Amino acid sequence: MKVNYFKTRRAIFNLTVHIVLVTKYRRKVFQKEHLEFLKVAFNSIAAKWDAEVVEINGESDHVHILLTYPPHKLLSGLIANLKQQFSF
């Protein structure tokens, strides 16, 4: 896997995080169509935050997201935005 480093005038960085979102009580609610929808939705949200989704994977009760983001963005804000968009 080739590592992409991002450059600014004063820094070189590669911040990658692995996020796991779990359903309440680990209920098995995700089907294949839901995971495909989440891939599209997470990519659009990440683009608004100048982040890049490297990979999204999941099963019926959780979703794994591997993403890179710039250091001037707050990770807590990005995760809060992801969770806020999909809480029911």
N, C-alpha and C. Protein backbone atom coordinates (compact mmCIF):
# COMPACT_ATOMS: atom_id res chain seq x y z
N MET A 1 0.84 -1.17 0.00
CA MET A 1 0.00 0.00 0.00
C MET A 1 0.89 1.24 0.00
N LYS A 2 0.68 2.10 -0.96
CA LYS A 2 1.46 3.32 -1.07
C LYS A 2 0.91 4.37 -0.11
N VAL A 3 1.81 4.98 0.64
CA VAL A 3 1.40 6.00 1.61
C VAL A 3 1.46 7.36 0.93
N ASN A 4 0.36 8.08 0.97
CA ASN A 4 0.30 9.43 0.42
C ASN A 4 0.49 10.43 1.54
N TYR A 5 1.52 11.24 1.43
CA TYR A 5 1.75 12.30 2.40
C TYR A 5 1.20 13.60 1.84
N PHE A 6 0.60 14.37 2.69
CA PHE A 6 0.06 15.66 2.30
C PHE A 6 1.02 16.74 2.75
N LYS A 7 1.15 17.77 1.94
CA LYS A 7 2.12 18.81 2.23
C LYS A 7 1.44 20.16 2.35
N THR A 8 1.90 20.91 3.33
CA THR A 8 1.57 22.32 3.43
C THR A 8 2.89 23.07 3.38
N ARG A 9 2.84 24.35 3.58
CA ARG A 9 4.07 25.12 3.49
C ARG A 9 5.08 24.73 4.57
N ARG A 10 4.57 24.34 5.74
CA ARG A 10 5.46 24.07 6.86
C ARG A 10 5.40 22.64 7.40
N ALA A 11 4.60 21.80 6.81
CA ALA A 11 4.44 20.46 7.39
C ALA A 11 4.17 19.42 6.32
N ILE A 12 4.53 18.20 6.65
CA ILE A 12 4.18 17.03 5.87
C ILE A 12 3.44 16.11 6.83
N PHE A 13 2.30 15.60 6.42
CA PHE A 13 1.51 14.81 7.36
C PHE A 13 0.74 13.71 6.65
N ASN A 14 0.37 12.72 7.44
CA ASN A 14 -0.52 11.64 7.01
C ASN A 14 -1.26 11.16 8.25
N LEU A 15 -2.40 11.74 8.52
CA LEU A 15 -3.21 11.36 9.67
C LEU A 15 -4.29 10.39 9.20
N THR A 16 -4.20 9.16 9.64
CA THR A 16 -5.15 8.13 9.25
C THR A 16 -5.80 7.57 10.51
N VAL A 17 -7.10 7.46 10.50
CA VAL A 17 -7.83 6.92 11.65
C VAL A 17 -8.74 5.78 11.21
N HIS A 18 -8.95 4.87 12.13
CA HIS A 18 -9.86 3.75 11.93
C HIS A 18 -11.04 3.96 12.88
N ILE A 19 -12.22 4.18 12.32
CA ILE A 19 -13.41 4.46 13.11
C ILE A 19 -14.36 3.27 12.98
N VAL A 20 -14.90 2.85 14.10
CA VAL A 20 -15.89 1.77 14.10
C VAL A 20 -17.18 2.32 14.69
N LEU A 21 -18.23 2.29 13.91
CA LEU A 21 -19.55 2.72 14.36
C LEU A 21 -20.41 1.48 14.58
N VAL A 22 -20.93 1.34 15.79
CA VAL A 22 -21.67 0.14 16.19
C VAL A 22 -23.13 0.51 16.43
N THR A 23 -24.03 -0.38 16.03
CA THR A 23 -25.45 -0.14 16.28
C THR A 23 -25.75 -0.35 17.77
N LYS A 24 -26.83 0.24 18.21
CA LYS A 24 -27.23 0.12 19.61
C LYS A 24 -27.56 -1.34 19.91
N TYR A 25 -27.01 -1.84 20.99
CA TYR A 25 -27.17 -3.23 21.42
C TYR A 25 -26.67 -4.23 20.37
N ARG A 26 -25.80 -3.76 19.48
CA ARG A 26 -25.24 -4.60 18.40
C ARG A 26 -26.33 -5.32 17.61
N ARG A 27 -27.45 -4.64 17.41
CA ARG A 27 -28.53 -5.23 16.63
C ARG A 27 -28.11 -5.34 15.17
N LYS A 28 -28.51 -6.39 14.53
CA LYS A 28 -28.13 -6.66 13.15
C LYS A 28 -29.13 -5.97 12.21
N VAL A 29 -28.82 -4.73 11.85
CA VAL A 29 -29.75 -3.95 11.05
C VAL A 29 -29.22 -3.62 9.66
N PHE A 30 -27.91 -3.65 9.46
CA PHE A 30 -27.36 -3.28 8.16
C PHE A 30 -27.45 -4.43 7.17
N GLN A 31 -27.93 -4.09 5.98
CA GLN A 31 -27.90 -5.03 4.87
C GLN A 31 -26.96 -4.46 3.82
N LYS A 32 -26.76 -5.18 2.75
CA LYS A 32 -25.82 -4.76 1.72
C LYS A 32 -26.19 -3.40 1.13
N GLU A 33 -27.48 -3.15 0.93
CA GLU A 33 -27.92 -1.86 0.37
C GLU A 33 -27.59 -0.71 1.32
N HIS A 34 -27.73 -0.96 2.61
CA HIS A 34 -27.42 0.08 3.59
C HIS A 34 -25.93 0.43 3.56
N LEU A 35 -25.09 -0.59 3.47
CA LEU A 35 -23.65 -0.35 3.45
C LEU A 35 -23.23 0.41 2.19
N GLU A 36 -23.87 0.11 1.06
CA GLU A 36 -23.57 0.85 -0.17
C GLU A 36 -23.99 2.31 -0.03
N PHE A 37 -25.14 2.54 0.57
CA PHE A 37 -25.60 3.92 0.80
C PHE A 37 -24.64 4.66 1.72
N LEU A 38 -24.19 3.98 2.78
CA LEU A 38 -23.26 4.62 3.72
C LEU A 38 -21.94 4.98 3.05
N LYS A 39 -21.47 4.15 2.12
CA LYS A 39 -20.23 4.46 1.41
C LYS A 39 -20.36 5.78 0.66
N VAL A 40 -21.45 5.94 -0.06
CA VAL A 40 -21.66 7.18 -0.83
C VAL A 40 -21.81 8.37 0.11
N ALA A 41 -22.59 8.19 1.17
CA ALA A 41 -22.83 9.29 2.10
C ALA A 41 -21.57 9.69 2.86
N PHE A 42 -20.79 8.73 3.33
CA PHE A 42 -19.57 9.05 4.06
C PHE A 42 -18.55 9.73 3.15
N ASN A 43 -18.49 9.32 1.90
CA ASN A 43 -17.58 9.99 0.97
C ASN A 43 -17.96 11.45 0.76
N SER A 44 -19.24 11.73 0.67
CA SER A 44 -19.66 13.13 0.47
C SER A 44 -19.40 13.97 1.72
N ILE A 45 -19.63 13.41 2.89
CA ILE A 45 -19.37 14.15 4.13
C ILE A 45 -17.87 14.37 4.31
N ALA A 46 -17.08 13.36 4.01
CA ALA A 46 -15.63 13.50 4.15
C ALA A 46 -15.09 14.56 3.20
N ALA A 47 -15.64 14.65 2.01
CA ALA A 47 -15.19 15.66 1.06
C ALA A 47 -15.44 17.07 1.59
N LYS A 48 -16.54 17.26 2.30
CA LYS A 48 -16.83 18.58 2.88
C LYS A 48 -15.82 18.95 3.97
N TRP A 49 -15.22 17.96 4.60
CA TRP A 49 -14.26 18.19 5.68
C TRP A 49 -12.81 18.10 5.19
N ASP A 50 -12.59 18.07 3.89
CA ASP A 50 -11.26 17.91 3.29
C ASP A 50 -10.60 16.60 3.71
N ALA A 51 -11.40 15.60 3.99
CA ALA A 51 -10.90 14.28 4.36
C ALA A 51 -11.09 13.34 3.18
N GLU A 52 -10.45 12.18 3.28
CA GLU A 52 -10.56 11.19 2.21
C GLU A 52 -10.85 9.83 2.82
N VAL A 53 -11.90 9.19 2.37
CA VAL A 53 -12.23 7.85 2.84
C VAL A 53 -11.36 6.86 2.08
N VAL A 54 -10.53 6.14 2.81
CA VAL A 54 -9.65 5.15 2.19
C VAL A 54 -10.41 3.86 1.95
N GLU A 55 -11.17 3.44 2.97
CA GLU A 55 -11.92 2.19 2.84
C GLU A 55 -13.10 2.20 3.81
N ILE A 56 -14.19 1.63 3.37
CA ILE A 56 -15.37 1.43 4.22
C ILE A 56 -15.78 -0.03 4.10
N ASN A 57 -16.00 -0.65 5.25
CA ASN A 57 -16.38 -2.04 5.28
C ASN A 57 -17.33 -2.23 6.44
N GLY A 58 -18.08 -3.27 6.44
CA GLY A 58 -18.97 -3.47 7.57
C GLY A 58 -19.67 -4.80 7.54
N GLU A 59 -20.37 -5.05 8.63
CA GLU A 59 -21.19 -6.24 8.76
C GLU A 59 -22.58 -5.78 9.19
N SER A 60 -23.39 -6.70 9.60
CA SER A 60 -24.78 -6.36 9.90
C SER A 60 -24.95 -5.52 11.16
N ASP A 61 -23.94 -5.46 12.02
CA ASP A 61 -24.09 -4.71 13.27
C ASP A 61 -23.04 -3.61 13.48
N HIS A 62 -22.13 -3.41 12.54
CA HIS A 62 -21.14 -2.35 12.68
C HIS A 62 -20.54 -1.98 11.33
N VAL A 63 -19.90 -0.79 11.30
CA VAL A 63 -19.26 -0.29 10.08
C VAL A 63 -17.85 0.18 10.44
N HIS A 64 -16.87 -0.21 9.63
CA HIS A 64 -15.49 0.24 9.78
C HIS A 64 -15.22 1.31 8.73
N ILE A 65 -14.60 2.41 9.15
CA ILE A 65 -14.24 3.49 8.24
C ILE A 65 -12.76 3.79 8.45
N LEU A 66 -11.99 3.75 7.39
CA LEU A 66 -10.58 4.14 7.43
C LEU A 66 -10.47 5.42 6.62
N LEU A 67 -10.06 6.50 7.28
CA LEU A 67 -9.99 7.77 6.56
C LEU A 67 -8.77 8.57 6.96
N THR A 68 -8.37 9.44 6.04
CA THR A 68 -7.28 10.38 6.29
C THR A 68 -7.87 11.77 6.33
N TYR A 69 -7.26 12.63 7.15
CA TYR A 69 -7.78 13.99 7.28
C TYR A 69 -6.63 14.95 7.56
N PRO A 70 -6.81 16.22 7.24
CA PRO A 70 -5.76 17.21 7.47
C PRO A 70 -5.70 17.62 8.94
N PRO A 71 -4.53 18.06 9.41
CA PRO A 71 -4.39 18.38 10.83
C PRO A 71 -5.14 19.63 11.27
N HIS A 72 -5.55 20.49 10.35
CA HIS A 72 -6.27 21.69 10.75
C HIS A 72 -7.77 21.43 10.98
N LYS A 73 -8.22 20.22 10.77
CA LYS A 73 -9.61 19.84 11.04
C LYS A 73 -9.66 19.02 12.33
N LEU A 74 -10.69 19.23 13.13
CA LEU A 74 -10.85 18.48 14.36
C LEU A 74 -11.48 17.12 14.08
N LEU A 75 -10.82 16.07 14.52
CA LEU A 75 -11.35 14.72 14.33
C LEU A 75 -12.68 14.55 15.06
N SER A 76 -12.79 15.12 16.24
CA SER A 76 -14.04 15.00 17.00
C SER A 76 -15.20 15.65 16.26
N GLY A 77 -14.95 16.76 15.58
CA GLY A 77 -16.00 17.41 14.80
C GLY A 77 -16.42 16.58 13.61
N LEU A 78 -15.45 15.96 12.96
CA LEU A 78 -15.74 15.10 11.80
C LEU A 78 -16.57 13.89 12.23
N ILE A 79 -16.18 13.23 13.30
CA ILE A 79 -16.92 12.05 13.76
C ILE A 79 -18.31 12.45 14.23
N ALA A 80 -18.41 13.57 14.93
CA ALA A 80 -19.72 14.05 15.38
C ALA A 80 -20.63 14.32 14.19
N ASN A 81 -20.08 14.88 13.12
CA ASN A 81 -20.87 15.15 11.93
C ASN A 81 -21.32 13.86 11.27
N LEU A 82 -20.43 12.87 11.19
CA LEU A 82 -20.79 11.57 10.61
C LEU A 82 -21.92 10.92 11.40
N LYS A 83 -21.79 10.91 12.72
CA LYS A 83 -22.81 10.28 13.56
C LYS A 83 -24.12 11.06 13.53
N GLN A 84 -24.03 12.37 13.48
CA GLN A 84 -25.23 13.21 13.48
C GLN A 84 -26.06 12.98 12.22
N GLN A 85 -25.42 12.79 11.09
CA GLN A 85 -26.14 12.61 9.84
C GLN A 85 -26.93 11.30 9.81
N PHE A 86 -26.50 10.31 10.60
CA PHE A 86 -27.12 8.99 10.50
C PHE A 86 -27.73 8.49 11.79
N SER A 87 -28.00 9.37 12.73
CA SER A 87 -28.70 8.93 13.94
C SER A 87 -30.20 9.11 13.72
N PHE A 88 -30.95 8.15 14.17
CA PHE A 88 -32.40 8.17 13.97
C PHE A 88 -33.09 8.19 15.31
